């Protein structure tokens, strides 16, 4: 797998300080996680970047046959919910009292 920085076209380019990472192809969640770890190591090796702020991850969910999923097993719409994971790391700034 090759990791390449691709310049955004000048038309419709948003002034955002965020890096969009594209994990191409249909794969298992485990394989997607592996691809993301490869990006992490590439950013470290090539650019010395080791930290990230709040991050949004968008997944196109597929059933075992490769068809798009629009609902969870309990019939709730995937588009109506956000899956939020609280930080597992305590931040000193969260409990700082001057």
N, C-alpha and C. Protein backbone atom coordinates (compact mmCIF):
# COMPACT_ATOMS: atom_id res chain seq x y z
N UNK A 1 0.85 -1.18 0.00
CA UNK A 1 0.00 0.00 0.00
C UNK A 1 0.88 1.24 0.00
N UNK A 2 0.52 2.19 -0.83
CA UNK A 2 1.28 3.42 -0.95
C UNK A 2 0.52 4.55 -0.27
N UNK A 3 1.24 5.35 0.47
CA UNK A 3 0.65 6.53 1.11
C UNK A 3 1.17 7.75 0.37
N UNK A 4 0.25 8.57 -0.14
CA UNK A 4 0.61 9.72 -0.96
C UNK A 4 -0.20 10.93 -0.52
N UNK A 5 0.45 12.08 -0.42
CA UNK A 5 -0.26 13.34 -0.19
C UNK A 5 -0.77 13.84 -1.53
N UNK A 6 -2.07 14.07 -1.65
CA UNK A 6 -2.67 14.56 -2.90
C UNK A 6 -3.21 15.95 -2.66
N UNK A 7 -2.76 16.91 -3.45
CA UNK A 7 -3.20 18.30 -3.29
C UNK A 7 -4.66 18.45 -3.67
N UNK A 8 -5.40 19.19 -2.85
CA UNK A 8 -6.82 19.46 -3.12
C UNK A 8 -6.93 20.43 -4.29
N UNK A 9 -7.96 20.26 -5.13
CA UNK A 9 -8.14 21.21 -6.23
C UNK A 9 -8.48 22.60 -5.69
N UNK A 10 -8.09 23.68 -6.39
CA UNK A 10 -8.33 25.03 -5.89
C UNK A 10 -9.81 25.40 -5.83
N UNK A 11 -10.65 24.75 -6.62
CA UNK A 11 -12.08 25.06 -6.62
C UNK A 11 -12.76 24.26 -5.52
N UNK A 12 -13.52 24.95 -4.68
CA UNK A 12 -14.24 24.29 -3.60
C UNK A 12 -13.35 23.93 -2.42
N UNK A 13 -12.12 24.41 -2.42
CA UNK A 13 -11.18 24.11 -1.34
C UNK A 13 -11.56 24.91 -0.10
N UNK A 14 -11.77 24.20 0.99
CA UNK A 14 -12.10 24.87 2.25
C UNK A 14 -10.81 25.23 2.99
N UNK A 15 -10.82 26.35 3.67
CA UNK A 15 -9.67 26.72 4.48
C UNK A 15 -9.82 26.02 5.83
N UNK A 16 -9.36 24.81 5.89
CA UNK A 16 -9.47 24.00 7.09
C UNK A 16 -8.08 23.52 7.49
N UNK A 17 -7.84 23.48 8.77
CA UNK A 17 -6.54 23.04 9.27
C UNK A 17 -6.57 21.55 9.58
N UNK A 18 -7.45 20.81 8.92
CA UNK A 18 -7.58 19.39 9.17
C UNK A 18 -7.11 18.58 7.96
N UNK A 19 -6.51 17.45 8.24
CA UNK A 19 -6.03 16.55 7.19
C UNK A 19 -7.09 15.48 6.94
N UNK A 20 -7.53 15.34 5.71
CA UNK A 20 -8.47 14.29 5.35
C UNK A 20 -7.66 13.05 4.99
N UNK A 21 -7.97 11.94 5.64
CA UNK A 21 -7.30 10.67 5.37
C UNK A 21 -8.31 9.76 4.69
N UNK A 22 -7.97 9.27 3.51
CA UNK A 22 -8.85 8.39 2.75
C UNK A 22 -8.32 6.96 2.85
N UNK A 23 -9.13 6.07 3.41
CA UNK A 23 -8.78 4.66 3.49
C UNK A 23 -9.57 3.96 2.38
N UNK A 24 -8.97 3.86 1.21
CA UNK A 24 -9.68 3.40 0.01
C UNK A 24 -10.02 1.91 0.07
N UNK A 25 -11.08 1.55 -0.65
CA UNK A 25 -11.46 0.15 -0.80
C UNK A 25 -12.38 -0.36 0.28
N UNK A 26 -13.02 -1.50 0.00
CA UNK A 26 -13.89 -2.17 0.96
C UNK A 26 -13.08 -3.24 1.70
N UNK A 27 -13.01 -3.11 3.01
CA UNK A 27 -12.22 -4.03 3.82
C UNK A 27 -12.93 -4.26 5.15
N UNK A 28 -12.41 -5.20 5.94
CA UNK A 28 -12.95 -5.41 7.28
C UNK A 28 -12.54 -4.24 8.16
N UNK A 29 -13.23 -4.11 9.28
CA UNK A 29 -12.90 -3.03 10.22
C UNK A 29 -11.46 -3.21 10.73
N UNK A 30 -11.04 -4.46 10.92
CA UNK A 30 -9.69 -4.73 11.38
C UNK A 30 -8.66 -4.25 10.35
N UNK A 31 -8.93 -4.49 9.07
CA UNK A 31 -8.03 -4.04 8.02
C UNK A 31 -8.01 -2.52 7.93
N UNK A 32 -9.17 -1.86 8.12
CA UNK A 32 -9.22 -0.39 8.11
C UNK A 32 -8.40 0.18 9.27
N UNK A 33 -8.50 -0.46 10.44
CA UNK A 33 -7.72 0.00 11.59
C UNK A 33 -6.23 -0.14 11.30
N UNK A 34 -5.84 -1.20 10.64
CA UNK A 34 -4.43 -1.41 10.26
C UNK A 34 -3.97 -0.31 9.30
N UNK A 35 -4.83 0.04 8.34
CA UNK A 35 -4.49 1.10 7.39
C UNK A 35 -4.28 2.42 8.13
N UNK A 36 -5.13 2.70 9.12
CA UNK A 36 -5.00 3.94 9.88
C UNK A 36 -3.70 3.95 10.69
N UNK A 37 -3.31 2.81 11.23
CA UNK A 37 -2.04 2.72 11.96
C UNK A 37 -0.87 2.97 11.01
N UNK A 38 -0.97 2.49 9.77
CA UNK A 38 0.08 2.76 8.79
C UNK A 38 0.20 4.26 8.52
N UNK A 39 -0.93 4.95 8.47
CA UNK A 39 -0.93 6.42 8.29
C UNK A 39 -0.25 7.08 9.48
N UNK A 40 -0.55 6.60 10.69
CA UNK A 40 0.06 7.16 11.91
C UNK A 40 1.58 7.06 11.83
N UNK A 41 2.10 5.89 11.45
CA UNK A 41 3.55 5.72 11.35
C UNK A 41 4.14 6.55 10.22
N UNK A 42 3.43 6.69 9.11
CA UNK A 42 3.91 7.50 8.00
C UNK A 42 4.02 8.97 8.43
N UNK A 43 2.99 9.48 9.12
CA UNK A 43 3.03 10.87 9.59
C UNK A 43 4.21 11.08 10.55
N UNK A 44 4.48 10.09 11.38
CA UNK A 44 5.61 10.19 12.32
C UNK A 44 6.94 10.17 11.57
N UNK A 45 7.12 9.20 10.68
CA UNK A 45 8.39 9.04 9.98
C UNK A 45 8.68 10.16 8.99
N UNK A 46 7.68 10.56 8.21
CA UNK A 46 7.90 11.53 7.14
C UNK A 46 7.81 12.98 7.59
N UNK A 47 7.01 13.24 8.63
CA UNK A 47 6.75 14.63 9.01
C UNK A 47 6.92 14.93 10.50
N UNK A 48 7.27 13.94 11.30
CA UNK A 48 7.50 14.15 12.72
C UNK A 48 6.23 14.51 13.48
N UNK A 49 5.07 14.11 12.97
CA UNK A 49 3.79 14.44 13.61
C UNK A 49 3.36 13.26 14.47
N UNK A 50 3.17 13.52 15.77
CA UNK A 50 2.79 12.46 16.70
C UNK A 50 1.48 12.72 17.43
N UNK A 51 0.91 13.90 17.28
CA UNK A 51 -0.29 14.25 18.04
C UNK A 51 -1.42 14.68 17.13
N UNK A 52 -2.65 14.52 17.62
CA UNK A 52 -3.84 14.95 16.87
C UNK A 52 -4.88 15.48 17.84
N UNK A 53 -5.65 16.43 17.37
CA UNK A 53 -6.75 16.97 18.16
C UNK A 53 -8.00 16.12 17.97
N UNK A 54 -9.16 16.69 18.29
CA UNK A 54 -10.41 15.96 18.09
C UNK A 54 -10.51 15.48 16.64
N UNK A 55 -10.97 14.26 16.46
CA UNK A 55 -10.95 13.62 15.15
C UNK A 55 -12.32 13.04 14.82
N UNK A 56 -12.79 13.28 13.60
CA UNK A 56 -14.02 12.68 13.11
C UNK A 56 -13.64 11.56 12.15
N UNK A 57 -14.28 10.41 12.30
CA UNK A 57 -14.07 9.29 11.40
C UNK A 57 -15.42 8.93 10.81
N UNK A 58 -15.50 8.89 9.50
CA UNK A 58 -16.74 8.53 8.82
C UNK A 58 -16.55 7.16 8.18
N UNK A 59 -17.48 6.24 8.47
CA UNK A 59 -17.42 4.90 7.91
C UNK A 59 -18.65 4.65 7.05
N UNK A 60 -18.44 4.14 5.86
CA UNK A 60 -19.54 3.65 5.04
C UNK A 60 -19.72 2.19 5.43
N UNK A 61 -20.75 1.91 6.20
CA UNK A 61 -20.95 0.56 6.73
C UNK A 61 -21.54 -0.36 5.66
N UNK A 62 -21.02 -1.57 5.58
CA UNK A 62 -21.45 -2.54 4.58
C UNK A 62 -21.90 -3.83 5.27
N UNK A 63 -22.86 -4.53 4.65
CA UNK A 63 -23.24 -5.84 5.16
C UNK A 63 -22.24 -6.88 4.64
N UNK A 64 -22.34 -8.15 5.06
CA UNK A 64 -21.36 -9.16 4.63
C UNK A 64 -21.28 -9.35 3.11
N UNK A 65 -22.33 -8.94 2.39
CA UNK A 65 -22.33 -9.08 0.93
C UNK A 65 -21.83 -7.82 0.22
N UNK A 66 -21.45 -6.81 0.98
CA UNK A 66 -20.91 -5.58 0.39
C UNK A 66 -21.94 -4.52 0.08
N UNK A 67 -23.17 -4.71 0.54
CA UNK A 67 -24.22 -3.71 0.30
C UNK A 67 -24.24 -2.69 1.44
N UNK A 68 -24.54 -1.42 1.15
CA UNK A 68 -24.55 -0.38 2.18
C UNK A 68 -25.60 -0.65 3.26
N UNK A 69 -25.20 -0.40 4.51
CA UNK A 69 -26.13 -0.50 5.64
C UNK A 69 -26.63 0.89 5.99
N UNK A 70 -27.92 1.03 6.17
CA UNK A 70 -28.50 2.33 6.54
C UNK A 70 -29.11 2.29 7.94
N UNK A 71 -29.27 1.09 8.51
CA UNK A 71 -29.82 0.95 9.86
C UNK A 71 -28.99 -0.03 10.67
N UNK A 72 -29.06 0.15 11.99
CA UNK A 72 -28.46 -0.83 12.90
C UNK A 72 -29.41 -2.01 13.04
N UNK A 73 -29.01 -3.05 13.76
CA UNK A 73 -29.84 -4.23 13.95
C UNK A 73 -31.19 -3.91 14.58
N UNK A 74 -31.22 -2.87 15.44
CA UNK A 74 -32.47 -2.51 16.12
C UNK A 74 -33.30 -1.51 15.30
N UNK A 75 -33.01 -1.39 14.01
CA UNK A 75 -33.75 -0.55 13.06
C UNK A 75 -33.53 0.95 13.23
N UNK A 76 -32.60 1.38 14.07
CA UNK A 76 -32.28 2.80 14.20
C UNK A 76 -31.43 3.20 12.99
N UNK A 77 -31.69 4.38 12.46
CA UNK A 77 -30.97 4.87 11.28
C UNK A 77 -29.54 5.24 11.64
N UNK A 78 -28.59 4.75 10.87
CA UNK A 78 -27.17 5.05 11.07
C UNK A 78 -26.93 6.55 10.97
N UNK A 79 -27.61 7.22 10.04
CA UNK A 79 -27.39 8.65 9.80
C UNK A 79 -27.88 9.53 10.94
N UNK A 80 -28.72 9.00 11.82
CA UNK A 80 -29.29 9.80 12.91
C UNK A 80 -28.45 9.83 14.17
N UNK A 81 -27.33 9.14 14.19
CA UNK A 81 -26.55 9.02 15.42
C UNK A 81 -25.07 9.29 15.18
N UNK A 82 -24.41 9.77 16.24
CA UNK A 82 -22.95 9.88 16.30
C UNK A 82 -22.47 8.90 17.35
N UNK A 83 -21.41 8.20 17.08
CA UNK A 83 -20.78 7.32 18.06
C UNK A 83 -19.63 8.12 18.67
N UNK A 84 -19.74 8.44 19.96
CA UNK A 84 -18.75 9.29 20.63
C UNK A 84 -17.98 8.45 21.63
N UNK A 85 -16.67 8.53 21.58
CA UNK A 85 -15.79 7.83 22.52
C UNK A 85 -15.09 8.89 23.35
N UNK A 86 -15.33 8.87 24.66
CA UNK A 86 -14.63 9.80 25.55
C UNK A 86 -13.16 9.44 25.59
N UNK A 87 -12.33 10.44 25.80
CA UNK A 87 -10.89 10.21 25.86
C UNK A 87 -10.55 9.29 27.02
N UNK A 88 -9.77 8.25 26.77
CA UNK A 88 -9.36 7.37 27.87
C UNK A 88 -8.20 7.95 28.68
N UNK A 89 -7.70 9.10 28.24
CA UNK A 89 -6.54 9.71 28.90
C UNK A 89 -6.97 10.93 29.67
N UNK A 90 -6.57 11.01 30.93
CA UNK A 90 -6.89 12.17 31.75
C UNK A 90 -6.03 13.36 31.31
N UNK A 91 -6.65 14.49 31.17
CA UNK A 91 -5.93 15.72 30.80
C UNK A 91 -5.86 16.62 32.01
N UNK A 92 -4.68 17.08 32.36
CA UNK A 92 -4.51 17.94 33.54
C UNK A 92 -5.33 19.22 33.38
N UNK A 93 -5.48 19.73 32.16
CA UNK A 93 -6.23 20.97 31.94
C UNK A 93 -7.70 20.79 32.27
N UNK A 94 -8.22 19.56 32.23
CA UNK A 94 -9.63 19.32 32.55
C UNK A 94 -9.94 19.53 34.02
N UNK A 95 -8.94 19.37 34.88
CA UNK A 95 -9.20 19.50 36.31
C UNK A 95 -8.40 20.63 36.95
N UNK A 96 -7.84 21.50 36.13
CA UNK A 96 -7.03 22.60 36.66
C UNK A 96 -7.91 23.64 37.35
N UNK A 97 -7.51 24.02 38.55
CA UNK A 97 -8.24 25.06 39.31
C UNK A 97 -7.24 26.11 39.75
N UNK A 98 -7.38 27.34 39.18
CA UNK A 98 -6.41 28.40 39.54
C UNK A 98 -6.55 28.86 40.97
